Each structure stands twice: as C-alpha cells, then as structure tokens.
Protein backbone atom coordinates (compact mmCIF):
# COMPACT_ATOMS: atom_id res chain seq x y z
CA MET A 1 88.83 128.76 63.91
CA LEU A 2 90.47 130.56 66.89
CA ILE A 3 89.12 134.03 65.60
CA LEU A 4 85.80 132.67 65.38
CA ALA A 5 86.12 131.12 68.86
CA ILE A 6 87.09 134.53 70.37
CA TRP A 7 84.20 136.28 68.30
CA GLY A 8 82.07 133.82 70.01
CA LEU A 9 83.23 134.88 73.30
CA SER A 10 83.08 138.58 72.69
CA VAL A 11 79.71 139.24 71.69
CA VAL A 12 78.05 137.89 74.55
CA ASP A 13 75.37 140.20 75.45
CA TRP A 14 73.80 139.87 78.95
CA ALA A 15 71.50 142.91 78.47
CA GLY A 16 67.82 142.33 79.53
CA SER A 17 68.69 138.42 79.53
CA SER A 18 66.36 137.16 82.09
CA TRP A 19 65.80 134.12 79.89
CA ALA A 20 69.17 132.98 81.25
CA ASN A 21 68.33 132.89 84.47
CA LYS A 22 66.53 129.36 83.55
CA VAL A 23 69.99 128.05 82.94
CA ALA A 24 70.46 127.13 86.94
CA SER A 25 69.20 123.45 86.17
CA HIS A 26 72.50 122.76 84.27
CA HIS A 27 75.62 121.43 85.95
CA LEU A 28 78.26 123.90 84.04
CA LEU A 29 81.72 123.90 83.71
CA ALA A 30 83.18 126.28 86.05
CA GLY A 31 86.39 128.33 84.53
CA PHE A 32 85.04 128.59 80.95
CA TRP A 33 82.76 131.71 80.91
CA HIS A 34 81.89 133.57 84.30
CA PRO A 35 79.03 135.84 84.05
CA PRO A 36 79.85 139.62 84.68
CA ALA A 37 79.14 141.14 87.95
CA GLY A 38 75.33 141.76 88.53
CA ALA A 39 74.38 139.20 86.08
CA ARG A 40 71.82 137.07 87.25
CA MET A 41 73.09 133.56 85.87
CA PRO A 42 74.22 131.17 88.54
CA GLY A 43 76.43 128.95 86.19
CA ASP A 44 78.66 129.23 83.43
CA GLY A 45 77.90 129.36 79.65
CA LEU A 46 77.69 131.40 76.68
CA LEU A 47 74.84 133.91 75.47
CA VAL A 48 75.51 134.62 71.81
CA GLY A 49 72.77 137.15 70.58
CA ASN A 50 69.63 134.98 71.49
CA LYS A 51 71.40 131.79 71.31
CA VAL A 52 72.64 129.87 74.45
CA VAL A 53 75.71 127.79 74.56
CA LEU A 54 76.08 125.50 77.76
CA ILE A 55 79.06 123.30 78.63
CA ARG A 56 78.84 120.01 80.65
CA ASP A 57 81.62 118.22 79.64
CA LYS A 58 85.16 118.88 79.71
CA LEU A 59 85.60 117.31 76.20
CA LEU A 60 83.76 119.48 74.45
CA LEU A 61 84.98 122.67 75.85
CA PRO A 62 86.85 123.84 72.93
CA ALA A 63 84.47 122.97 70.33
CA ALA A 64 81.95 125.06 72.33
CA ALA A 65 83.59 128.43 71.77
CA VAL A 66 83.24 127.67 67.80
CA MET A 67 79.57 126.25 68.04
CA ALA A 68 78.65 129.13 70.05
CA THR A 69 77.94 131.17 67.01
CA LEU A 70 75.94 128.76 65.64
CA GLY A 71 73.52 128.64 68.42
CA ILE A 72 74.38 124.86 69.47
CA GLU A 73 74.17 123.28 72.89
CA LEU A 74 76.84 120.76 73.57
CA GLY A 75 75.70 118.42 76.06
CA PHE A 76 76.81 114.81 77.79
CA PRO A 77 76.16 112.50 75.74
CA MET A 78 76.45 114.21 72.36
CA GLU A 79 73.48 116.23 72.11
CA ILE A 80 72.96 119.30 70.04
CA ARG A 81 70.04 121.35 70.24
CA GLN A 82 68.78 124.72 68.92
CA CYS A 83 67.96 126.99 71.35
CA SER A 84 66.11 130.36 71.42
CA ARG A 85 65.22 132.99 73.73
CA ARG A 86 61.54 131.89 73.30
CA GLY A 87 62.06 128.41 74.01
CA ASP A 88 61.18 126.85 70.92
CA GLY A 89 63.94 124.11 71.03
CA LYS A 90 63.50 121.09 73.23
CA SER A 91 66.35 120.67 76.03
CA THR A 92 66.92 119.62 79.68
CA MET A 93 66.49 123.34 80.85
CA GLY A 94 62.52 122.85 80.30
CA PHE A 95 61.93 124.10 77.03
CA SER A 96 59.41 122.53 74.90
CA GLY A 97 59.44 122.41 71.14
CA GLN A 98 60.76 119.98 68.44
CA THR A 99 64.80 119.60 67.93
CA ARG A 100 65.83 121.06 65.18
CA CYS A 101 69.43 120.25 64.77
CA PRO A 102 70.55 118.65 61.20
CA VAL A 103 72.58 115.60 61.30
CA LEU A 104 75.51 117.47 59.79
CA ILE A 105 75.58 119.69 62.48
CA LYS A 106 76.00 116.91 64.92
CA LEU A 107 78.80 115.29 62.92
CA VAL A 108 80.55 118.73 62.31
CA ALA A 109 80.59 119.39 66.36
CA LEU A 110 81.63 115.78 67.05
CA LEU A 111 84.64 116.05 64.49
CA LEU A 112 85.57 119.79 65.86
CA SER A 113 85.28 118.17 69.43
CA CYS A 114 87.63 115.18 68.65
CA VAL A 115 89.86 117.50 66.63
CA ILE A 116 90.55 120.43 69.16
CA ALA A 117 89.30 118.95 72.45
CA SER A 118 92.59 116.69 72.84
CA PRO A 119 94.64 119.65 74.96
CA SER A 120 91.80 119.55 77.57
CA LEU A 121 93.63 115.90 78.53
CA ALA A 122 96.71 117.07 79.38
CA ASP A 123 95.73 118.08 83.09
CA CYS A 124 96.34 114.45 83.95
CA ASN A 125 99.84 114.76 82.72
CA ASP A 126 100.49 117.94 85.07
CA ARG A 127 103.20 117.63 87.34
CA PRO A 128 102.35 117.07 91.00
CA GLY A 129 102.17 120.34 92.79
CA PRO A 130 100.06 122.36 95.09
CA GLY A 131 96.65 122.69 93.83
CA VAL A 132 96.78 120.55 90.85
CA ASP A 133 93.95 119.20 88.98
CA TRP A 134 93.97 115.41 88.44
CA SER A 135 90.44 114.75 89.10
CA GLY A 136 89.34 111.55 87.86
CA CYS A 137 93.11 110.86 86.63
CA LEU A 138 94.35 107.11 86.40
CA LYS A 139 97.43 107.01 88.56
CA LEU A 140 98.22 103.01 89.10
CA ASN A 141 101.26 101.64 90.57
CA ARG A 142 102.88 105.37 90.85
CA GLN A 143 106.34 105.98 92.66
CA MET A 144 104.95 109.78 94.16
CA ALA A 145 106.63 109.34 97.92
CA ASN A 146 107.05 112.76 99.29
CA ASP A 147 105.44 114.60 96.78
CA ASP A 148 103.40 118.05 97.23
CA PHE A 149 99.72 117.74 96.65
CA ARG A 150 98.48 120.59 99.14
CA GLY A 151 94.88 121.99 97.85
CA ALA A 152 94.94 119.32 94.85
CA ASN A 153 91.85 118.62 93.23
CA LEU A 154 91.70 114.48 93.24
CA VAL A 155 88.10 113.85 93.11
CA GLY A 156 87.40 110.59 91.81
CA SER A 157 91.04 109.82 90.90
CA ASN A 158 92.63 106.57 91.06
CA PHE A 159 96.21 105.72 93.08
CA THR A 160 95.80 102.07 93.53
CA LYS A 161 98.82 100.53 94.54
CA SER A 162 100.75 103.74 94.05
CA ASN A 163 103.44 104.71 96.71
CA LEU A 164 102.33 107.88 98.30
CA SER A 165 104.19 107.71 101.48
CA GLY A 166 105.08 110.87 103.34
CA THR A 167 103.13 112.76 100.43
CA ASP A 168 101.43 116.14 101.71
CA PHE A 169 97.71 116.33 100.78
CA THR A 170 96.91 118.93 103.33
CA GLY A 171 93.64 120.28 102.54
CA ALA A 172 93.34 118.26 99.30
CA ASN A 173 89.92 116.84 97.94
CA LEU A 174 90.00 113.12 97.31
CA SER A 175 86.45 112.68 97.74
CA ASN A 176 85.39 109.31 95.62
CA ALA A 177 89.09 108.69 95.19
CA ILE A 178 90.36 104.90 94.93
CA LEU A 179 93.72 104.41 96.96
CA VAL A 180 93.23 100.50 97.47
CA ARG A 181 96.40 99.05 98.55
CA THR A 182 97.97 102.53 98.47
CA LYS A 183 101.04 103.42 100.31
CA LEU A 184 100.45 106.54 102.53
CA SER A 185 102.59 105.67 105.61
CA GLY A 186 103.60 108.99 106.90
CA ALA A 187 101.46 111.20 104.66
CA ASN A 188 99.85 114.20 105.65
CA LEU A 189 96.18 114.07 105.00
CA SER A 190 95.24 116.63 107.52
CA ARG A 191 91.74 118.83 106.54
CA ALA A 192 91.73 116.42 103.48
CA ASP A 193 88.35 115.38 102.12
CA LEU A 194 88.44 111.32 101.53
CA SER A 195 84.32 111.39 101.90
CA LYS A 196 83.56 108.16 100.17
CA ALA A 197 86.75 107.30 98.77
CA MET A 198 87.93 103.57 98.66
CA LEU A 199 91.36 102.92 100.63
CA ASP A 200 90.77 99.05 101.40
CA ARG A 201 94.15 97.73 102.57
CA ALA A 202 95.85 100.90 102.37
CA ASP A 203 98.84 101.44 104.62
CA LEU A 204 98.10 104.69 106.50
CA ARG A 205 100.69 104.38 109.40
CA GLY A 206 101.61 107.21 111.37
CA ALA A 207 99.63 109.14 108.80
CA ASP A 208 98.04 112.39 109.77
CA LEU A 209 94.29 112.52 109.09
CA SER A 210 93.49 115.26 111.97
CA SER A 211 90.26 117.20 111.14
CA ALA A 212 89.84 115.13 107.93
CA HIS A 213 86.59 114.59 106.23
CA LEU A 214 86.20 110.75 106.13
CA SER A 215 82.52 110.05 106.21
CA LYS A 216 81.55 107.29 104.29
CA ALA A 217 84.71 106.10 102.99
CA GLU A 218 85.92 102.56 103.00
CA PHE A 219 88.75 101.56 105.11
CA HIS A 220 88.67 97.74 105.05
CA ARG A 221 91.77 96.09 106.91
CA VAL A 222 93.79 99.68 106.22
CA ASP A 223 96.64 99.87 108.80
CA PHE A 224 96.12 103.18 110.90
CA THR A 225 98.79 102.11 113.68
CA ASN A 226 100.12 105.08 115.35
CA ALA A 227 97.83 107.17 112.78
CA LYS A 228 96.54 110.61 114.06
CA LEU A 229 92.93 111.01 113.55
CA THR A 230 92.03 113.57 115.99
CA GLY A 231 88.95 115.81 115.17
CA SER A 232 88.31 113.51 111.95
CA LEU A 233 84.86 112.86 110.58
CA LEU A 234 84.26 109.32 110.44
CA GLU A 235 80.57 109.05 110.55
CA GLY A 236 79.20 106.22 108.68
CA ALA A 237 82.88 105.18 107.64
CA GLU A 238 83.41 101.28 106.99
CA LEU A 239 86.73 100.30 109.21
CA GLY A 240 85.96 96.48 109.26
CA ARG A 241 89.13 94.65 110.44
CA ALA A 242 90.93 97.93 110.27
CA ILE A 243 94.26 98.15 112.49
CA LEU A 244 94.03 101.13 114.61
CA VAL A 245 96.86 100.10 117.12
CA GLY A 246 97.79 103.22 119.35
CA ALA A 247 95.69 105.56 116.57
CA ASP A 248 94.63 108.80 118.32
CA LEU A 249 91.25 109.27 117.69
CA SER A 250 90.25 111.73 120.53
CA GLY A 251 87.42 114.21 119.28
CA ALA A 252 86.83 112.14 116.14
CA ASN A 253 83.11 111.50 115.17
CA LEU A 254 82.79 107.80 114.61
CA GLN A 255 78.93 107.97 114.87
CA ASN A 256 77.30 105.07 112.96
CA ALA A 257 80.68 103.97 111.99
CA TYR A 258 81.18 100.06 111.34
CA LEU A 259 84.41 99.15 113.34
CA ALA A 260 83.42 95.43 113.64
CA ARG A 261 86.66 93.34 114.62
CA ALA A 262 88.62 96.19 114.41
CA ASN A 263 92.13 96.49 116.27
CA LEU A 264 91.85 99.38 118.80
CA SER A 265 94.29 97.98 121.37
CA ASN A 266 95.93 101.06 122.88
CA ALA A 267 93.78 103.67 120.71
CA LEU A 268 93.03 106.92 122.45
CA LEU A 269 89.23 107.86 122.11
CA LYS A 270 89.10 110.95 124.61
CA GLY A 271 86.11 112.94 123.24
CA ALA A 272 85.16 110.44 120.39
CA ASN A 273 81.53 110.16 119.37
CA LEU A 274 80.55 106.42 119.47
CA ARG A 275 76.86 106.89 119.17
CA ASN A 276 75.82 103.47 117.17
CA THR A 277 79.12 102.72 116.36
CA ASP A 278 79.53 99.14 115.58
CA LEU A 279 82.20 97.48 117.76
CA TYR A 280 81.36 93.93 117.55
CA LEU A 281 84.35 91.60 118.64
CA ALA A 282 86.30 95.17 118.43
CA ASP A 283 89.86 94.69 120.03
CA LEU A 284 89.42 97.45 122.81
CA GLN A 285 92.53 95.90 125.15
CA GLY A 286 94.34 98.99 126.64
CA ALA A 287 92.21 101.31 124.64
CA ASP A 288 91.31 104.77 126.59
CA LEU A 289 87.75 105.15 126.10
CA SER A 290 87.44 107.18 129.50
CA LEU A 291 85.96 110.44 127.95
CA ALA A 292 84.18 108.87 124.87
CA ASN A 293 80.39 109.92 123.98
CA GLY A 294 77.56 107.99 123.28
CA MET A 295 78.95 104.32 124.29
CA THR A 296 76.42 101.88 125.78
CA GLN A 297 76.88 98.84 127.97
CA ASP A 298 75.64 96.87 124.90
CA GLN A 299 78.54 97.87 122.58
CA LEU A 300 80.65 97.25 125.42
CA SER A 301 79.66 93.72 126.14
CA LYS A 302 80.17 92.92 122.39
CA SER A 303 83.64 94.16 122.15
CA CYS A 304 86.68 92.56 123.39
CA GLY A 305 88.68 94.59 126.35
CA ASP A 306 90.84 93.80 129.23
CA ALA A 307 91.65 95.20 132.49
CA LYS A 308 93.69 97.96 131.15
CA THR A 309 90.66 99.20 129.20
CA LYS A 310 89.60 102.73 130.76
CA LEU A 311 86.17 102.80 130.34
CA PRO A 312 83.35 105.79 130.28
CA ALA A 313 81.83 106.96 133.54
CA GLY A 314 78.72 104.60 134.32
CA LEU A 315 79.94 101.72 132.22
CA ILE A 316 81.12 98.41 133.82
CA ALA A 317 83.29 95.90 132.18
CA PRO A 318 81.59 92.80 131.55
CA GLU A 319 81.99 89.85 133.79
CA SER A 320 83.82 87.94 130.86
CA TRP A 321 84.78 89.39 127.61
CA PRO A 322 83.01 87.84 124.35
CA CYS A 323 86.93 87.27 123.18
CA ILE A 324 89.71 84.82 124.43
CA ASN A 325 92.93 85.91 123.77
CA GLY A 326 91.76 88.65 121.38
CA PRO A 327 89.60 89.02 118.35
CA GLY A 328 89.49 86.18 115.87
CA ASN A 329 89.74 83.60 118.96
CA GLU A 330 86.08 84.14 120.05
CA PRO A 331 84.00 80.89 121.12
C-alpha cells in the first residue's frame, strides 16, 4: 500500500493541465502536495494522469494517496466521485454529469481512511513547543504554566479551565479558540491572534497583549488588571463587566467595542480609539482619557468617572455622574 501511495504521488503530471486551474474553488489541505514552480494551480492536490484527487479533510489524507490511482475524489463528508479532464463527473468544482462511484469503492475508501488515517490524530498529542500545531485540539483542565507556544497554530483549540499562567504565546494563532475560565495571568500574548476567541471569566492579570489581534473576541468578566494592551486591536470585542483596573490601553483600537459596566479605573487610554465604543456605566474613575480619540460627550455622560478622570480636549465632566459610589450602585 505504501508503494502504491508513493506511486500515486510520483506520476503526477502537470503538463498542459489547464483543467487543473479550475480546482481553485476547493479549500485544500496545505502540506500534502504543492504544485511545482510555474504550475497554475492555487491549491494543493494530486493530478494523476487525467484524474484529480483533492483533499479537504485531514482524516482522509493517507487514504487519498492510495485512492489517487483510482481517480477518486475524497471530500468531507465522505464523498467519492469520478472526475475526468473532460468534466464528466459531477463535483463541487462546477462539473456536470452523473456521479459514477460504485458503493464498493466508497466502502474501500472509508475502510482505508479508518485504518491508515489514525496517525494524523497524533498532532494533538505533540508536546508543547514553538510552532506546534494544536488546531482544533481539546486541552481541558491542563497544567501548562510557563510553556512555550510561540508561533503555534492553536486555531479553534479548547483550553477551558487550563492553567496557562506565564505561558509564551508570542505571535501564536488562537483565533476562534476557547479559553473560558482559563488562567493566563502573566502570559505573553503579544502579537497573538485571538480574533473571535472566547475567554469569558479568564484570568489575564498582568498579561502582555500588546499589538494583539483581539477583534470580535469575547471577554465577558475577564480580569485584565494591570494588563498591557498597548496597540491591540479590540474592534467589536465584547468586554462587558471586564476588569481593566490599571490596564494600559494606549493606542488600542476599541471602535465598536462593548465595555458596558467594565471597570477601567486608573486605566491608561492615551491615543485609544473610542469611536462608537459602548461605555454605559463603565467605571472611568482615575482613568487617563486625555488623548483618546473619537470619544463624545454622550459617551462620557453615560459612564462613571470622578474628579481624577482625565478627559479629552473639548469634553467636560457631567454635572452629576450617573453612578453613585461606582458602577452597580447607580440610581
């Protein structure tokens, strides 16, 4: 089987394969097969004779090399189709015609996938380290304090209730990751991508999130006490009731972010973008907003400041702040 798989890779012929240009509509698994220099195929796949095998699911990767010799397309969910250069073989590539895939071939492909695809699951068992690929992995209640995940691929991974205190995530991709109630105090997340990640009630005290991509992430009730968020992108982020006491948000983009009832007392927001930021009953006592951009008098009048709150030029403190003794005690 291994010899057959190798043969399936070695006989790839790109000569005159203009038909392969139409494969662009597929989202292919990078790393399995790369087109040679000059080939006009913007993805990864196998072209065997006049047959094409496309891989869209990591679990089907090993079987794909074997089934390439049969001209079978492996898709997700399990779909096997006959495809020819003339386009007779219905597929999601836009070709028309009837699917000509015997049930036996489907069963063979499924069996091969189950038998020889299991090694591809080993990625989640790799040890923590720079550049590790744990995308989509489940890592609940783990003790990984002070580990090194620099440049790691952690897209869609789940670290709920894990201890990642002091861990280095510099430049890591954590987009769509789940870190609910995760301990990240003192962690280095500078330049990390946490867009659309969920971190409700996570502990990020003293963490470094400078220049991090945090747009549309969920930070409900997260503790950012004394955290560094300078230059971070928080556009559209959810920070309701978050604790940002003493946090440095200088130069951060908070446009359209939700900070209702968040605690920003003694926070630094010099140069921060506050356009359309929801600051309803947000605690701004002692906060430095002197050089913040885009803040309006209406936003200020709905927030909770005090005599120590430094305001942007042109704005004045309300005659009576809407909060009495801080947020939560409003009339």
